[in-house]
Amino acid sequence: MSNQTSVTEFLLLGVTDIQELNPILFVIFFTIYFVNITGNGAILMIVILDPRLHSPMYFFLGNLACLDICFSTVTLPKMLQNLLSTNKAISFLGCITQLHFFHFLGSTEAMLLPVMAFDRFVAICRPLHYSVIMNHQLCIHMTVTIWTLGFFHALLHSVMTSRLSFCGPNHVHHFFCDIKPLLDLACGNTELNLWLLNTVTGTIALTPFFLTFLSYFYIITYLFLKTRSCSMLHKALSTCASHFMVVILLYVPVLFTYIRPASGSSLDQDRIIAIMYSVVTPALNPLIYTLRNKEVRSALNRKVRRWL
């Protein structure tokens, strides 16, 4: 990498240019991060420890909780440090590493959501064959596949970005190292990088979104055509509602950021949208699932009563 660039470090300019807001933002983002770690950690612990939750649905929910913890940890600790520090530098290798893990975990989560939607489709539309279709081996294979695809998708971007020439300036107009802000600083031709970002990342975002939408379309169609019981209809839709809310919270900001043409992008808009899907959404996920899912709430209550 040292032969490709004269820049040895980057300066992350952060969320805002108004320094007086930094202490307030630190408290806000620290609280959100604490909620994220506590909530997702509790879900992960309950899914592992409670035998009643050892089913495909909660296996994937545990993966989502793990991804949310790691996803925010890639960016938030460094952001919090920069909010209280005058030294906002990150090394070149550290920047590329942050970029890699951000896209690795983000794309893995995007691909996990249609898998969770498929699980709900089988449970609702093929209940008699659920245990046969969603067997332990298939769940493991699907999980390993999406984690592997996410890793190599991110590796493509991190390698291609690291090969660019950076000769200055080194001020990144963001609170973490993402592809678009780094491409703005590159000295050479970035057309291939932009094409990969729009094509590969666009495919990673759009394909899971389409598959998730297709699963819910079949679920809703099946429920309205086949279900005669209002209570069964309400229960099935309620089960899917939590997952659908997570899908909307993740996909809408991501699609807006990475599918939008670079010429029409705004640095302030990109930072606000990035805060939504990398900071706020991972903290909301456990609240959504625990508030709407009776089995998770019951499992948490049992563990709390046992500890007290």
Protein backbone atom coordinates (compact mmCIF):
# COMPACT_ATOMS: atom_id res chain seq x y z
CA MET A 1 0.00 0.00 0.00
CA SER A 2 2.88 2.37 0.75
CA ASN A 3 3.90 2.33 -2.92
CA GLN A 4 0.44 3.46 -3.96
CA THR A 5 0.01 6.52 -1.76
CA SER A 6 1.88 9.32 -0.04
CA VAL A 7 -0.85 9.71 2.59
CA THR A 8 -0.09 7.74 5.77
CA GLU A 9 -3.17 8.81 7.73
CA PHE A 10 -6.56 10.43 7.30
CA LEU A 11 -8.40 12.96 9.45
CA LEU A 12 -12.04 12.13 10.17
CA LEU A 13 -13.92 15.43 10.30
CA GLY A 14 -16.81 13.85 12.22
CA VAL A 15 -20.53 14.48 12.40
CA THR A 16 -20.52 18.28 12.61
CA ASP A 17 -18.19 21.23 12.24
CA ILE A 18 -19.67 22.93 15.31
CA GLN A 19 -17.27 22.00 18.10
CA GLU A 20 -19.63 23.18 20.88
CA LEU A 21 -22.03 20.36 20.00
CA ASN A 22 -19.45 17.60 20.47
CA PRO A 23 -20.03 16.98 24.22
CA ILE A 24 -23.80 16.79 23.67
CA LEU A 25 -23.37 14.46 20.71
CA PHE A 26 -21.00 12.30 22.76
CA VAL A 27 -23.67 11.77 25.43
CA ILE A 28 -26.35 11.02 22.81
CA PHE A 29 -24.25 8.55 20.80
CA PHE A 30 -22.79 6.91 23.91
CA THR A 31 -26.34 6.31 25.18
CA ILE A 32 -27.40 4.85 21.83
CA TYR A 33 -24.32 2.61 21.77
CA PHE A 34 -25.02 1.45 25.34
CA VAL A 35 -28.62 0.60 24.38
CA ASN A 36 -27.33 -1.27 21.33
CA ILE A 37 -24.78 -3.36 23.26
CA THR A 38 -27.17 -4.03 26.17
CA GLY A 39 -30.24 -4.83 24.06
CA ASN A 40 -28.57 -6.94 21.39
CA GLY A 41 -26.33 -8.59 23.99
CA ALA A 42 -29.42 -9.58 25.99
CA ILE A 43 -31.11 -11.03 22.88
CA LEU A 44 -27.97 -12.96 21.94
CA MET A 45 -27.63 -14.33 25.47
CA ILE A 46 -31.29 -15.35 25.67
CA VAL A 47 -31.21 -17.07 22.27
CA ILE A 48 -28.13 -19.06 23.33
CA LEU A 49 -29.22 -19.95 26.88
CA ASP A 50 -32.97 -20.58 26.53
CA PRO A 51 -33.72 -24.01 24.95
CA ARG A 52 -37.22 -22.80 24.01
CA LEU A 53 -35.64 -20.35 21.56
CA HIS A 54 -33.46 -22.93 19.82
CA SER A 55 -35.35 -22.68 16.53
CA PRO A 56 -34.39 -21.29 13.08
CA MET A 57 -36.23 -18.00 13.67
CA TYR A 58 -34.28 -17.22 16.84
CA PHE A 59 -31.04 -18.62 15.42
CA PHE A 60 -31.23 -15.95 12.71
CA LEU A 61 -32.31 -13.35 15.28
CA GLY A 62 -29.17 -14.18 17.28
CA ASN A 63 -27.09 -13.64 14.15
CA LEU A 64 -28.81 -10.28 13.61
CA ALA A 65 -28.07 -9.22 17.20
CA CYS A 66 -24.41 -10.22 16.80
CA LEU A 67 -24.16 -8.30 13.52
CA ASP A 68 -25.75 -5.18 15.06
CA ILE A 69 -23.25 -5.16 17.94
CA CYS A 70 -20.26 -5.60 15.62
CA PHE A 71 -21.63 -3.21 12.96
CA SER A 72 -21.89 -0.27 15.37
CA THR A 73 -18.59 -1.16 17.06
CA VAL A 74 -16.78 -0.66 13.75
CA THR A 75 -17.63 3.06 13.72
CA LEU A 76 -19.03 4.27 17.06
CA PRO A 77 -16.02 3.90 19.43
CA LYS A 78 -13.81 5.88 17.03
CA MET A 79 -16.55 8.47 16.59
CA LEU A 80 -16.93 8.84 20.36
CA GLN A 81 -13.18 9.21 20.76
CA ASN A 82 -13.04 11.91 18.07
CA LEU A 83 -15.91 13.85 19.68
CA LEU A 84 -13.77 14.40 22.79
CA SER A 85 -10.35 14.58 21.16
CA THR A 86 -8.55 17.12 19.03
CA ASN A 87 -6.60 14.33 17.33
CA LYS A 88 -9.00 12.87 14.77
CA ALA A 89 -6.40 10.93 12.82
CA ILE A 90 -6.77 7.35 11.65
CA SER A 91 -3.95 5.46 9.94
CA PHE A 92 -4.20 4.47 6.30
CA LEU A 93 -4.33 0.78 7.25
CA GLY A 94 -6.84 1.51 10.02
CA CYS A 95 -9.02 3.40 7.56
CA ILE A 96 -9.04 0.56 5.02
CA THR A 97 -9.70 -1.95 7.81
CA GLN A 98 -12.65 0.10 9.05
CA LEU A 99 -14.02 0.34 5.50
CA HIS A 100 -13.67 -3.42 5.06
CA PHE A 101 -15.48 -4.43 8.26
CA PHE A 102 -18.18 -1.79 7.78
CA HIS A 103 -19.13 -3.20 4.38
CA PHE A 104 -18.55 -6.80 5.49
CA LEU A 105 -20.99 -6.57 8.40
CA GLY A 106 -23.42 -4.24 6.62
CA SER A 107 -23.75 -6.42 3.51
CA THR A 108 -24.00 -9.57 5.65
CA GLU A 109 -26.90 -8.03 7.58
CA ALA A 110 -28.57 -6.99 4.31
CA MET A 111 -28.38 -10.61 3.09
CA LEU A 112 -29.54 -12.01 6.44
CA LEU A 113 -32.88 -10.19 6.28
CA PRO A 114 -34.24 -12.09 3.22
CA VAL A 115 -33.14 -15.34 4.89
CA MET A 116 -35.24 -14.35 7.91
CA ALA A 117 -38.12 -13.47 5.58
CA PHE A 118 -37.82 -16.88 3.88
CA ASP A 119 -37.96 -18.53 7.30
CA ARG A 120 -41.24 -16.70 8.04
CA PHE A 121 -42.58 -17.66 4.60
CA VAL A 122 -41.94 -21.36 5.24
CA ALA A 123 -43.34 -21.17 8.80
CA ILE A 124 -46.59 -19.50 7.68
CA CYS A 125 -47.18 -20.91 4.19
CA ARG A 126 -45.65 -24.41 4.64
CA PRO A 127 -46.13 -25.11 8.35
CA LEU A 128 -46.33 -28.92 7.97
CA HIS A 129 -43.00 -29.03 6.14
CA TYR A 130 -41.27 -26.35 8.24
CA SER A 131 -39.07 -28.68 10.30
CA VAL A 132 -38.02 -30.58 7.17
CA ILE A 133 -37.24 -27.52 5.04
CA MET A 134 -35.68 -25.33 7.73
CA ASN A 135 -33.49 -28.06 9.16
CA HIS A 136 -30.36 -27.36 11.19
CA GLN A 137 -28.01 -28.11 8.29
CA LEU A 138 -29.77 -25.71 5.91
CA CYS A 139 -29.74 -22.92 8.52
CA ILE A 140 -26.00 -23.35 9.08
CA HIS A 141 -25.29 -23.46 5.33
CA MET A 142 -27.31 -20.30 4.64
CA THR A 143 -25.65 -18.44 7.52
CA VAL A 144 -22.12 -19.45 6.49
CA THR A 145 -22.91 -18.48 2.88
CA ILE A 146 -24.11 -14.96 3.65
CA TRP A 147 -21.21 -14.28 6.05
CA THR A 148 -18.74 -15.51 3.39
CA LEU A 149 -20.34 -13.48 0.60
CA GLY A 150 -20.34 -10.39 2.83
CA PHE A 151 -16.64 -10.85 3.60
CA PHE A 152 -15.58 -11.16 -0.05
CA HIS A 153 -17.85 -8.30 -1.12
CA ALA A 154 -16.12 -6.05 1.41
CA LEU A 155 -12.69 -7.43 0.47
CA LEU A 156 -13.28 -6.37 -3.14
CA HIS A 157 -13.92 -2.76 -2.10
CA SER A 158 -11.13 -2.58 0.48
CA VAL A 159 -8.52 -3.95 -1.94
CA MET A 160 -9.65 -1.70 -4.81
CA THR A 161 -9.72 1.37 -2.54
CA SER A 162 -6.29 0.61 -1.05
CA ARG A 163 -4.77 0.48 -4.55
CA LEU A 164 -5.79 4.07 -5.31
CA SER A 165 -3.27 6.87 -5.10
CA PHE A 166 -3.85 9.37 -2.27
CA CYS A 167 -1.54 12.37 -2.50
CA GLY A 168 -3.50 14.84 -0.35
CA PRO A 169 -5.57 16.40 1.10
CA ASN A 170 -6.38 13.77 3.73
CA HIS A 171 -9.53 15.24 5.35
CA VAL A 172 -12.39 12.71 5.23
CA HIS A 173 -15.76 14.48 5.37
CA HIS A 174 -17.37 11.74 7.40
CA PHE A 175 -17.25 10.18 10.87
CA PHE A 176 -15.79 6.92 9.51
CA CYS A 177 -13.90 5.68 6.45
CA ASP A 178 -16.44 4.93 3.74
CA ILE A 179 -15.88 4.46 0.03
CA LYS A 180 -17.49 7.63 -1.32
CA PRO A 181 -15.58 10.11 0.91
CA LEU A 182 -12.30 8.31 0.17
CA LEU A 183 -12.91 8.34 -3.58
CA ASP A 184 -13.29 12.13 -3.34
CA LEU A 185 -9.72 12.28 -2.00
CA ALA A 186 -8.12 9.94 -4.54
CA CYS A 187 -5.75 11.46 -7.08
CA GLY A 188 -6.16 8.87 -9.81
CA ASN A 189 -9.04 7.58 -11.89
CA THR A 190 -11.87 6.27 -9.71
CA GLU A 191 -14.35 5.27 -12.42
CA LEU A 192 -13.83 1.54 -11.82
CA ASN A 193 -14.32 1.99 -8.07
CA LEU A 194 -17.53 3.95 -8.62
CA TRP A 195 -18.78 1.34 -11.08
CA LEU A 196 -18.09 -1.44 -8.56
CA LEU A 197 -19.81 0.57 -5.83
CA ASN A 198 -22.92 1.17 -7.92
CA THR A 199 -23.04 -2.29 -9.51
CA VAL A 200 -21.82 -4.74 -6.86
CA THR A 201 -23.06 -2.90 -3.78
CA GLY A 202 -26.25 -2.01 -5.63
CA THR A 203 -26.80 -5.70 -6.35
CA ILE A 204 -26.03 -6.63 -2.74
CA ALA A 205 -28.63 -4.08 -1.60
CA LEU A 206 -31.35 -4.51 -4.24
CA THR A 207 -31.40 -8.31 -4.57
CA PRO A 208 -32.03 -9.01 -0.85
CA PHE A 209 -34.59 -6.20 -0.79
CA PHE A 210 -36.44 -7.75 -3.74
CA LEU A 211 -36.31 -11.25 -2.22
CA THR A 212 -37.56 -9.93 1.12
CA PHE A 213 -40.40 -8.07 -0.59
CA LEU A 214 -41.26 -11.21 -2.60
CA SER A 215 -41.42 -13.34 0.55
CA TYR A 216 -43.77 -10.91 2.25
CA PHE A 217 -45.89 -10.60 -0.87
CA TYR A 218 -46.43 -14.38 -0.87
CA ILE A 219 -47.05 -14.39 2.90
CA ILE A 220 -49.69 -11.65 2.74
CA THR A 221 -51.33 -13.19 -0.34
CA TYR A 222 -51.43 -16.62 1.31
CA LEU A 223 -52.87 -15.25 4.55
CA PHE A 224 -55.68 -13.35 2.89
CA LEU A 225 -56.58 -16.19 0.52
CA LYS A 226 -56.18 -19.19 2.83
CA THR A 227 -56.68 -17.99 6.40
CA ARG A 228 -60.25 -17.81 7.62
CA SER A 229 -59.43 -17.05 11.26
CA CYS A 230 -58.90 -13.40 12.18
CA SER A 231 -56.85 -14.38 15.23
CA MET A 232 -54.50 -16.53 13.13
CA LEU A 233 -54.19 -13.73 10.57
CA HIS A 234 -53.39 -11.19 13.29
CA LYS A 235 -50.84 -13.50 14.94
CA ALA A 236 -49.04 -14.24 11.67
CA LEU A 237 -48.91 -10.58 10.61
CA SER A 238 -47.73 -9.57 14.07
CA THR A 239 -44.88 -12.09 13.85
CA CYS A 240 -43.76 -10.60 10.53
CA ALA A 241 -44.23 -6.95 11.57
CA SER A 242 -41.05 -6.78 13.68
CA HIS A 243 -38.89 -8.12 10.88
CA PHE A 244 -40.55 -5.87 8.30
CA MET A 245 -39.83 -2.79 10.45
CA VAL A 246 -36.15 -3.79 10.63
CA VAL A 247 -36.07 -4.23 6.84
CA ILE A 248 -37.45 -0.73 6.27
CA LEU A 249 -35.08 0.87 8.80
CA LEU A 250 -32.03 -0.72 7.17
CA TYR A 251 -32.80 -0.77 3.46
CA VAL A 252 -34.30 2.68 2.90
CA PRO A 253 -31.22 4.66 4.09
CA VAL A 254 -28.77 2.21 2.47
CA LEU A 255 -30.52 2.31 -0.89
CA PHE A 256 -30.70 6.09 -0.73
CA THR A 257 -26.96 6.36 -0.02
CA TYR A 258 -25.40 3.81 -2.35
CA ILE A 259 -27.81 3.75 -5.29
CA ARG A 260 -27.94 7.53 -5.58
CA PRO A 261 -25.56 9.04 -8.20
CA ALA A 262 -22.38 10.47 -6.68
CA SER A 263 -22.92 13.79 -8.46
CA GLY A 264 -26.16 14.32 -6.57
CA SER A 265 -24.84 13.42 -3.15
CA SER A 266 -24.54 15.80 -0.24
CA LEU A 267 -21.89 15.29 2.44
CA ASP A 268 -24.24 16.38 5.22
CA GLN A 269 -27.03 14.14 3.92
CA ASP A 270 -24.66 11.16 3.66
CA ARG A 271 -23.52 11.63 7.26
CA ILE A 272 -27.08 11.90 8.59
CA ILE A 273 -28.22 8.84 6.64
CA ALA A 274 -25.13 6.89 7.76
CA ILE A 275 -25.99 7.70 11.39
CA MET A 276 -29.46 6.27 10.80
CA TYR A 277 -28.41 2.86 9.48
CA SER A 278 -25.10 2.40 11.35
CA VAL A 279 -25.96 3.91 14.77
CA VAL A 280 -29.71 4.28 15.30
CA THR A 281 -31.10 1.18 13.53
CA PRO A 282 -28.86 -1.38 15.35
CA ALA A 283 -30.02 0.11 18.66
CA LEU A 284 -33.70 0.00 17.63
CA ASN A 285 -33.64 -3.63 16.50
CA PRO A 286 -33.62 -5.19 20.00
CA LEU A 287 -36.34 -2.78 21.14
CA ILE A 288 -38.49 -3.75 18.14
CA TYR A 289 -38.06 -7.47 18.73
CA THR A 290 -38.41 -7.45 22.52
CA LEU A 291 -41.45 -5.16 22.52
CA ARG A 292 -43.32 -7.07 19.81
CA ASN A 293 -42.17 -10.65 20.44
CA LYS A 294 -43.89 -12.40 23.37
CA GLU A 295 -41.48 -15.35 23.41
CA VAL A 296 -38.41 -13.10 23.69
CA ARG A 297 -40.10 -11.02 26.41
CA SER A 298 -41.07 -14.16 28.31
CA ALA A 299 -37.54 -15.58 28.05
CA LEU A 300 -36.05 -12.31 29.31
CA ASN A 301 -38.52 -12.19 32.22
CA ARG A 302 -37.69 -15.77 33.21
CA LYS A 303 -33.96 -15.04 33.24
CA VAL A 304 -34.38 -11.80 35.18
CA ARG A 305 -36.58 -13.48 37.81
CA ARG A 306 -34.10 -16.33 38.14
CA TRP A 307 -31.18 -13.91 38.68
CA LEU A 308 -33.13 -11.81 41.18
